[in-house]
Amino acid sequence: MAKDDTGRLHVTVKTGGKRKLSSKLWLERQLNDPYVTQAKRDGFRSRAAYKLQEIDDKHRILKMGQSVVDLGAAPGGWSQIAAKRVGSVSGKGKVVAIDLLEMPEIPGVTFAQMDFLADDAPDRLRAMIDGGVDVVMSDMAANTTGHRKTDQLRIIGLVENAAAFAAEVLNPGGTFLAKVFQSGAEAELVTQLKRDFATVKHVKPAASRQDSSERYVLAIGFRGTPGGYERQ
């Protein structure tokens, strides 16, 4: 171990065996990430919880009594934050987490293991919530191939599908929050969001790694335009 520029101890992972360099670098980054350490202390399932926490502290998108949908929710860090802030733990609000993967139970969160792209997904969700949704949020990222243009199209396609889902279930005045990566490929997405939401902006919480192009698109004030999007 050695100390970094901030005085913190820095863990170095040795190479060897079957471990690839990319795996070594990822593990080293995780072990030295203060948000990963803090998440374990605070009982959050992922460091991503702090991203939503910071975004909501600044923009106040989660309010007591709201209905929230967390797309691609596993392992559940965002759902944990949402459950606390809308009061679903005490029965005041509702949080539905959707993912293809299984996810252990979270107090105040209803989990649905399903594909949000399925034709019947919006109807199934409305039945679970018994009405409309105030916030649709997504911290999903598409699987990458290593080919930059292909990956950008995959990422934007996933966000466009999340936006299409949101347009089908959001209440008028609702909010959509989704992870994107800075590129020129999202211009069409932003244009569509600006037609259907009163305010659209990009946000980058401090918990996002500064060397990453990751950022979030935040659309507030859904105008209730039916059929504004087509699923990919």
C-alpha atoms as a PDB file:
ATOM      1  CA  MET A   1       0.000   0.000   0.000  1.00  0.00           C
ATOM      2  CA  ALA A   2       1.046   3.607  -0.623  1.00  0.00           C
ATOM      3  CA  LYS A   3      -0.552   6.980  -0.030  1.00  0.00           C
ATOM      4  CA  ASP A   4      -2.075   8.931  -2.907  1.00  0.00           C
ATOM      5  CA  ASP A   5      -1.997  12.710  -3.389  1.00  0.00           C
ATOM      6  CA  THR A   6      -4.812  13.173  -0.866  1.00  0.00           C
ATOM      7  CA  GLY A   7      -3.018  11.221   1.843  1.00  0.00           C
ATOM      8  CA  ARG A   8      -5.316   8.189   1.606  1.00  0.00           C
ATOM      9  CA  LEU A   9      -3.834   4.710   1.464  1.00  0.00           C
ATOM     10  CA  HIS A  10      -3.827   3.383  -2.093  1.00  0.00           C
ATOM     11  CA  VAL A  11      -4.276  -0.352  -2.700  1.00  0.00           C
ATOM     12  CA  THR A  12      -2.353  -1.837  -5.608  1.00  0.00           C
ATOM     13  CA  VAL A  13      -3.598  -5.121  -7.076  1.00  0.00           C
ATOM     14  CA  LYS A  14      -0.916  -7.475  -8.377  1.00  0.00           C
ATOM     15  CA  THR A  15      -1.208  -9.007 -11.808  1.00  0.00           C
ATOM     16  CA  GLY A  16      -0.705 -12.681 -12.324  1.00  0.00           C
ATOM     17  CA  GLY A  17      -2.580 -15.881 -12.883  1.00  0.00           C
ATOM     18  CA  LYS A  18      -5.658 -15.515 -15.061  1.00  0.00           C
ATOM     19  CA  ARG A  19      -6.438 -11.936 -14.072  1.00  0.00           C
ATOM     20  CA  LYS A  20      -6.481  -9.609 -17.094  1.00  0.00           C
ATOM     21  CA  LEU A  21      -5.115  -6.069 -16.920  1.00  0.00           C
ATOM     22  CA  SER A  22      -8.627  -4.639 -17.349  1.00  0.00           C
ATOM     23  CA  SER A  23      -9.860  -6.732 -14.403  1.00  0.00           C
ATOM     24  CA  LYS A  24      -6.876  -5.600 -12.316  1.00  0.00           C
ATOM     25  CA  LEU A  25      -7.553  -1.935 -13.069  1.00  0.00           C
ATOM     26  CA  TRP A  26     -11.289  -2.292 -12.313  1.00  0.00           C
ATOM     27  CA  LEU A  27     -10.607  -4.064  -8.991  1.00  0.00           C
ATOM     28  CA  GLU A  28      -7.960  -1.504  -8.052  1.00  0.00           C
ATOM     29  CA  ARG A  29     -10.342   1.356  -8.803  1.00  0.00           C
ATOM     30  CA  GLN A  30     -13.096  -0.253  -6.706  1.00  0.00           C
ATOM     31  CA  LEU A  31     -10.801  -0.864  -3.748  1.00  0.00           C
ATOM     32  CA  ASN A  32      -9.592   2.746  -3.804  1.00  0.00           C
ATOM     33  CA  ASP A  33     -12.968   4.385  -4.422  1.00  0.00           C
ATOM     34  CA  PRO A  34     -14.139   6.311  -1.312  1.00  0.00           C
ATOM     35  CA  TYR A  35     -17.773   6.037  -2.449  1.00  0.00           C
ATOM     36  CA  VAL A  36     -17.534   2.239  -2.531  1.00  0.00           C
ATOM     37  CA  THR A  37     -16.175   2.256   1.013  1.00  0.00           C
ATOM     38  CA  GLN A  38     -18.826   4.718   2.191  1.00  0.00           C
ATOM     39  CA  ALA A  39     -21.630   2.688   0.573  1.00  0.00           C
ATOM     40  CA  LYS A  40     -20.623  -0.330   2.649  1.00  0.00           C
ATOM     41  CA  ARG A  41     -20.653   1.780   5.807  1.00  0.00           C
ATOM     42  CA  ASP A  42     -24.047   3.323   5.019  1.00  0.00           C
ATOM     43  CA  GLY A  43     -25.682   0.043   4.009  1.00  0.00           C
ATOM     44  CA  PHE A  44     -26.216   0.996   0.364  1.00  0.00           C
ATOM     45  CA  ARG A  45     -26.022  -1.723  -2.243  1.00  0.00           C
ATOM     46  CA  SER A  46     -23.925   0.321  -4.649  1.00  0.00           C
ATOM     47  CA  ARG A  47     -21.942   3.545  -4.891  1.00  0.00           C
ATOM     48  CA  ALA A  48     -24.577   4.684  -7.421  1.00  0.00           C
ATOM     49  CA  ALA A  49     -26.851   5.531  -4.476  1.00  0.00           C
ATOM     50  CA  TYR A  50     -24.795   8.681  -3.891  1.00  0.00           C
ATOM     51  CA  LYS A  51     -25.336   9.832  -7.471  1.00  0.00           C
ATOM     52  CA  LEU A  52     -29.112   9.876  -7.044  1.00  0.00           C
ATOM     53  CA  GLN A  53     -28.764  11.336  -3.559  1.00  0.00           C
ATOM     54  CA  GLU A  54     -26.694  14.250  -4.886  1.00  0.00           C
ATOM     55  CA  ILE A  55     -28.969  14.846  -7.866  1.00  0.00           C
ATOM     56  CA  ASP A  56     -32.037  14.900  -5.641  1.00  0.00           C
ATOM     57  CA  ASP A  57     -30.389  17.137  -3.026  1.00  0.00           C
ATOM     58  CA  LYS A  58     -29.872  19.732  -5.756  1.00  0.00           C
ATOM     59  CA  HIS A  59     -32.943  19.324  -7.969  1.00  0.00           C
ATOM     60  CA  ARG A  60     -35.587  17.974  -5.530  1.00  0.00           C
ATOM     61  CA  ILE A  61     -37.096  15.420  -7.899  1.00  0.00           C
ATOM     62  CA  LEU A  62     -38.181  12.947  -5.192  1.00  0.00           C
ATOM     63  CA  LYS A  63     -40.989  14.112  -2.928  1.00  0.00           C
ATOM     64  CA  MET A  64     -42.901  12.483  -0.098  1.00  0.00           C
ATOM     65  CA  GLY A  65     -45.862  10.428  -1.306  1.00  0.00           C
ATOM     66  CA  GLN A  66     -44.732  10.080  -4.944  1.00  0.00           C
ATOM     67  CA  SER A  67     -44.801   6.968  -7.107  1.00  0.00           C
ATOM     68  CA  VAL A  68     -41.386   6.089  -8.554  1.00  0.00           C
ATOM     69  CA  VAL A  69     -40.185   3.507 -11.069  1.00  0.00           C
ATOM     70  CA  ASP A  70     -36.533   2.431 -11.091  1.00  0.00           C
ATOM     71  CA  LEU A  71     -35.637   0.795 -14.434  1.00  0.00           C
ATOM     72  CA  GLY A  72     -32.751  -1.666 -14.429  1.00  0.00           C
ATOM     73  CA  ALA A  73     -32.743  -1.363 -10.669  1.00  0.00           C
ATOM     74  CA  ALA A  74     -30.399  -4.167  -9.556  1.00  0.00           C
ATOM     75  CA  PRO A  75     -28.548  -4.196  -7.232  1.00  0.00           C
ATOM     76  CA  GLY A  76     -30.893  -1.562  -5.769  1.00  0.00           C
ATOM     77  CA  GLY A  77     -28.886   1.485  -4.671  1.00  0.00           C
ATOM     78  CA  TRP A  78     -31.212   3.957  -6.381  1.00  0.00           C
ATOM     79  CA  SER A  79     -34.314   2.176  -5.088  1.00  0.00           C
ATOM     80  CA  GLN A  80     -32.973   2.464  -1.534  1.00  0.00           C
ATOM     81  CA  ILE A  81     -32.639   6.240  -1.852  1.00  0.00           C
ATOM     82  CA  ALA A  82     -36.037   6.622  -3.525  1.00  0.00           C
ATOM     83  CA  ALA A  83     -37.796   4.533  -0.855  1.00  0.00           C
ATOM     84  CA  LYS A  84     -36.501   6.820   1.892  1.00  0.00           C
ATOM     85  CA  ARG A  85     -37.269  10.055   0.104  1.00  0.00           C
ATOM     86  CA  VAL A  86     -40.838   9.314  -1.031  1.00  0.00           C
ATOM     87  CA  GLY A  87     -41.747   7.586   2.236  1.00  0.00           C
ATOM     88  CA  SER A  88     -42.622   4.198   0.775  1.00  0.00           C
ATOM     89  CA  VAL A  89     -41.038   2.494   3.796  1.00  0.00           C
ATOM     90  CA  SER A  90     -43.866   3.948   5.887  1.00  0.00           C
ATOM     91  CA  GLY A  91     -46.506   3.499   3.181  1.00  0.00           C
ATOM     92  CA  LYS A  92     -46.692   7.137   2.006  1.00  0.00           C
ATOM     93  CA  GLY A  93     -45.229   6.691  -1.472  1.00  0.00           C
ATOM     94  CA  LYS A  94     -44.544   3.803  -3.846  1.00  0.00           C
ATOM     95  CA  VAL A  95     -41.340   2.541  -5.433  1.00  0.00           C
ATOM     96  CA  VAL A  96     -41.330  -0.181  -8.081  1.00  0.00           C
ATOM     97  CA  ALA A  97     -37.974  -1.623  -9.121  1.00  0.00           C
ATOM     98  CA  ILE A  98     -37.813  -3.383 -12.498  1.00  0.00           C
ATOM     99  CA  ASP A  99     -34.967  -5.570 -13.710  1.00  0.00           C
ATOM    100  CA  LEU A 100     -34.282  -8.704 -15.752  1.00  0.00           C
ATOM    101  CA  LEU A 101     -32.064  -9.902 -12.903  1.00  0.00           C
ATOM    102  CA  GLU A 102     -33.246 -11.024  -9.498  1.00  0.00           C
ATOM    103  CA  MET A 103     -32.842  -8.503  -6.697  1.00  0.00           C
ATOM    104  CA  PRO A 104     -32.985  -9.148  -2.938  1.00  0.00           C
ATOM    105  CA  GLU A 105     -35.859  -7.476  -1.100  1.00  0.00           C
ATOM    106  CA  ILE A 106     -35.602  -3.816  -0.102  1.00  0.00           C
ATOM    107  CA  PRO A 107     -37.965  -2.336   2.524  1.00  0.00           C
ATOM    108  CA  GLY A 108     -40.568  -0.123   0.864  1.00  0.00           C
ATOM    109  CA  VAL A 109     -39.754  -1.366  -2.661  1.00  0.00           C
ATOM    110  CA  THR A 110     -41.887  -3.630  -4.843  1.00  0.00           C
ATOM    111  CA  PHE A 111     -39.711  -5.648  -7.212  1.00  0.00           C
ATOM    112  CA  ALA A 112     -40.832  -6.859 -10.642  1.00  0.00           C
ATOM    113  CA  GLN A 113     -38.534  -9.201 -12.520  1.00  0.00           C
ATOM    114  CA  MET A 114     -39.511  -8.382 -16.084  1.00  0.00           C
ATOM    115  CA  ASP A 115     -38.413  -6.728 -19.308  1.00  0.00           C
ATOM    116  CA  PHE A 116     -39.592  -3.115 -19.386  1.00  0.00           C
ATOM    117  CA  LEU A 117     -39.487  -3.350 -23.204  1.00  0.00           C
ATOM    118  CA  ALA A 118     -42.251  -5.960 -23.247  1.00  0.00           C
ATOM    119  CA  ASP A 119     -45.485  -4.720 -24.824  1.00  0.00           C
ATOM    120  CA  ASP A 120     -47.479  -5.357 -21.653  1.00  0.00           C
ATOM    121  CA  ALA A 121     -44.905  -3.793 -19.290  1.00  0.00           C
ATOM    122  CA  PRO A 122     -46.626  -0.369 -18.960  1.00  0.00           C
ATOM    123  CA  ASP A 123     -49.987  -1.998 -18.157  1.00  0.00           C
ATOM    124  CA  ARG A 124     -48.414  -4.363 -15.633  1.00  0.00           C
ATOM    125  CA  LEU A 125     -46.692  -1.449 -13.954  1.00  0.00           C
ATOM    126  CA  ARG A 126     -49.850   0.652 -13.747  1.00  0.00           C
ATOM    127  CA  ALA A 127     -51.631  -2.295 -12.146  1.00  0.00           C
ATOM    128  CA  MET A 128     -48.856  -2.620  -9.544  1.00  0.00           C
ATOM    129  CA  ILE A 129     -48.872   1.088  -8.723  1.00  0.00           C
ATOM    130  CA  ASP A 130     -52.627   1.451  -9.149  1.00  0.00           C
ATOM    131  CA  GLY A 131     -52.306   4.586 -11.229  1.00  0.00           C
ATOM    132  CA  GLY A 132     -49.719   6.805 -12.870  1.00  0.00           C
ATOM    133  CA  VAL A 133     -46.085   7.436 -12.054  1.00  0.00           C
ATOM    134  CA  ASP A 134     -44.430  10.647 -10.872  1.00  0.00           C
ATOM    135  CA  VAL A 135     -40.789   9.745 -11.546  1.00  0.00           C
ATOM    136  CA  VAL A 136     -39.173   7.273 -13.952  1.00  0.00           C
ATOM    137  CA  MET A 137     -35.452   6.893 -13.381  1.00  0.00           C
ATOM    138  CA  SER A 138     -32.776   4.735 -14.969  1.00  0.00           C
ATOM    139  CA  ASP A 139     -29.132   4.125 -14.137  1.00  0.00           C
ATOM    140  CA  MET A 140     -28.877   1.441 -16.812  1.00  0.00           C
ATOM    141  CA  ALA A 141     -25.958   1.128 -19.196  1.00  0.00           C
ATOM    142  CA  ALA A 142     -25.979  -0.990 -22.346  1.00  0.00           C
ATOM    143  CA  ASN A 143     -23.465  -3.807 -22.766  1.00  0.00           C
ATOM    144  CA  THR A 144     -20.457  -2.508 -24.670  1.00  0.00           C
ATOM    145  CA  THR A 145     -18.607  -4.031 -27.631  1.00  0.00           C
ATOM    146  CA  GLY A 146     -15.507  -1.843 -27.618  1.00  0.00           C
ATOM    147  CA  HIS A 147     -16.523  -0.242 -30.911  1.00  0.00           C
ATOM    148  CA  ARG A 148     -17.185   3.386 -30.027  1.00  0.00           C
ATOM    149  CA  LYS A 149     -19.936   4.234 -32.535  1.00  0.00           C
ATOM    150  CA  THR A 150     -21.753   0.949 -31.972  1.00  0.00           C
ATOM    151  CA  ASP A 151     -21.614   1.425 -28.213  1.00  0.00           C
ATOM    152  CA  GLN A 152     -22.912   5.012 -28.460  1.00  0.00           C
ATOM    153  CA  LEU A 153     -25.886   3.825 -30.522  1.00  0.00           C
ATOM    154  CA  ARG A 154     -26.619   1.042 -28.032  1.00  0.00           C
ATOM    155  CA  ILE A 155     -26.464   3.416 -25.088  1.00  0.00           C
ATOM    156  CA  ILE A 156     -28.714   6.016 -26.729  1.00  0.00           C
ATOM    157  CA  GLY A 157     -31.106   3.305 -27.922  1.00  0.00           C
ATOM    158  CA  LEU A 158     -31.523   2.063 -24.360  1.00  0.00           C
ATOM    159  CA  VAL A 159     -32.205   5.590 -23.050  1.00  0.00           C
ATOM    160  CA  GLU A 160     -34.683   6.259 -25.871  1.00  0.00           C
ATOM    161  CA  ASN A 161     -36.548   3.091 -24.924  1.00  0.00           C
ATOM    162  CA  ALA A 162     -36.570   4.167 -21.274  1.00  0.00           C
ATOM    163  CA  ALA A 163     -37.946   7.567 -22.359  1.00  0.00           C
ATOM    164  CA  ALA A 164     -40.622   5.845 -24.438  1.00  0.00           C
ATOM    165  CA  PHE A 165     -41.636   3.788 -21.417  1.00  0.00           C
ATOM    166  CA  ALA A 166     -41.720   6.911 -19.269  1.00  0.00           C
ATOM    167  CA  ALA A 167     -43.983   8.652 -21.796  1.00  0.00           C
ATOM    168  CA  GLU A 168     -46.471   5.799 -21.448  1.00  0.00           C
ATOM    169  CA  VAL A 169     -46.677   5.794 -17.658  1.00  0.00           C
ATOM    170  CA  LEU A 170     -45.807   9.281 -16.360  1.00  0.00           C
ATOM    171  CA  ASN A 171     -48.376  11.594 -14.848  1.00  0.00           C
ATOM    172  CA  PRO A 172     -48.536  15.144 -16.266  1.00  0.00           C
ATOM    173  CA  GLY A 173     -45.752  17.125 -14.592  1.00  0.00           C
ATOM    174  CA  GLY A 174     -43.684  13.978 -14.073  1.00  0.00           C
ATOM    175  CA  THR A 175     -39.911  13.580 -14.159  1.00  0.00           C
ATOM    176  CA  PHE A 176     -37.541  11.399 -16.198  1.00  0.00           C
ATOM    177  CA  LEU A 177     -33.909  10.832 -15.149  1.00  0.00           C
ATOM    178  CA  ALA A 178     -31.522   8.597 -17.077  1.00  0.00           C
ATOM    179  CA  LYS A 179     -27.837   7.896 -17.480  1.00  0.00           C
ATOM    180  CA  VAL A 180     -26.244   8.853 -20.780  1.00  0.00           C
ATOM    181  CA  PHE A 181     -22.653   9.283 -21.933  1.00  0.00           C
ATOM    182  CA  GLN A 182     -21.421  12.499 -23.446  1.00  0.00           C
ATOM    183  CA  SER A 183     -21.436  12.228 -27.237  1.00  0.00           C
ATOM    184  CA  GLY A 184     -23.042  13.753 -30.288  1.00  0.00           C
ATOM    185  CA  ALA A 185     -25.410  10.791 -30.612  1.00  0.00           C
ATOM    186  CA  GLU A 186     -27.957  12.063 -28.096  1.00  0.00           C
ATOM    187  CA  ALA A 187     -29.047  15.235 -29.916  1.00  0.00           C
ATOM    188  CA  GLU A 188     -32.251  13.645 -31.221  1.00  0.00           C
ATOM    189  CA  LEU A 189     -33.112  12.299 -27.774  1.00  0.00           C
ATOM    190  CA  VAL A 190     -32.684  15.724 -26.169  1.00  0.00           C
ATOM    191  CA  THR A 191     -34.772  17.369 -28.906  1.00  0.00           C
ATOM    192  CA  GLN A 192     -37.625  14.929 -28.258  1.00  0.00           C
ATOM    193  CA  LEU A 193     -37.398  15.375 -24.503  1.00  0.00           C
ATOM    194  CA  LYS A 194     -37.557  19.153 -24.898  1.00  0.00           C
ATOM    195  CA  ARG A 195     -40.801  18.760 -26.829  1.00  0.00           C
ATOM    196  CA  ASP A 196     -42.385  16.648 -24.124  1.00  0.00           C
ATOM    197  CA  PHE A 197     -40.941  18.157 -20.933  1.00  0.00           C
ATOM    198  CA  ALA A 198     -40.874  21.730 -19.678  1.00  0.00           C
ATOM    199  CA  THR A 199     -37.195  21.585 -18.628  1.00  0.00           C
ATOM    200  CA  VAL A 200     -34.350  19.381 -19.877  1.00  0.00           C
ATOM    201  CA  LYS A 201     -30.777  19.572 -18.601  1.00  0.00           C
ATOM    202  CA  HIS A 202     -27.642  17.497 -18.136  1.00  0.00           C
ATOM    203  CA  VAL A 203     -26.320  16.882 -14.639  1.00  0.00           C
ATOM    204  CA  LYS A 204     -23.127  15.237 -13.392  1.00  0.00           C
ATOM    205  CA  PRO A 205     -23.048  14.469  -9.664  1.00  0.00           C
ATOM    206  CA  ALA A 206     -19.733  14.459  -7.826  1.00  0.00           C
ATOM    207  CA  ALA A 207     -20.134  10.714  -7.225  1.00  0.00           C
ATOM    208  CA  SER A 208     -19.750  10.113 -10.959  1.00  0.00           C
ATOM    209  CA  ARG A 209     -16.132   9.339 -11.662  1.00  0.00           C
ATOM    210  CA  GLN A 210     -14.545  12.460 -13.077  1.00  0.00           C
ATOM    211  CA  ASP A 211     -12.577  10.535 -15.715  1.00  0.00           C
ATOM    212  CA  SER A 212     -15.820   9.090 -17.099  1.00  0.00           C
ATOM    213  CA  SER A 213     -18.038  10.627 -19.800  1.00  0.00           C
ATOM    214  CA  GLU A 214     -21.035   9.505 -17.748  1.00  0.00           C
ATOM    215  CA  ARG A 215     -23.679  12.115 -17.045  1.00  0.00           C
ATOM    216  CA  TYR A 216     -27.450  12.186 -16.584  1.00  0.00           C
ATOM    217  CA  VAL A 217     -30.255  13.734 -18.570  1.00  0.00           C
ATOM    218  CA  LEU A 218     -32.928  15.209 -16.305  1.00  0.00           C
ATOM    219  CA  ALA A 219     -36.311  16.051 -17.838  1.00  0.00           C
ATOM    220  CA  ILE A 220     -38.859  17.776 -15.569  1.00  0.00           C
ATOM    221  CA  GLY A 221     -42.489  18.725 -16.175  1.00  0.00           C
ATOM    222  CA  PHE A 222     -43.904  16.047 -18.482  1.00  0.00           C
ATOM    223  CA  ARG A 223     -46.506  17.599 -20.740  1.00  0.00           C
ATOM    224  CA  GLY A 224     -48.428  14.381 -21.185  1.00  0.00           C
ATOM    225  CA  THR A 225     -47.913  14.117 -24.937  1.00  0.00           C
ATOM    226  CA  PRO A 226     -49.264  10.701 -25.971  1.00  0.00           C
ATOM    227  CA  GLY A 227     -47.204   8.600 -28.351  1.00  0.00           C
ATOM    228  CA  GLY A 228     -44.254  10.956 -28.291  1.00  0.00           C
ATOM    229  CA  TYR A 229     -41.731   8.166 -28.672  1.00  0.00           C
ATOM    230  CA  GLU A 230     -41.387   4.958 -30.605  1.00  0.00           C
ATOM    231  CA  ARG A 231     -39.661   2.001 -29.000  1.00  0.00           C
ATOM    232  CA  GLN A 232     -36.508   0.807 -30.712  1.00  0.00           C
END
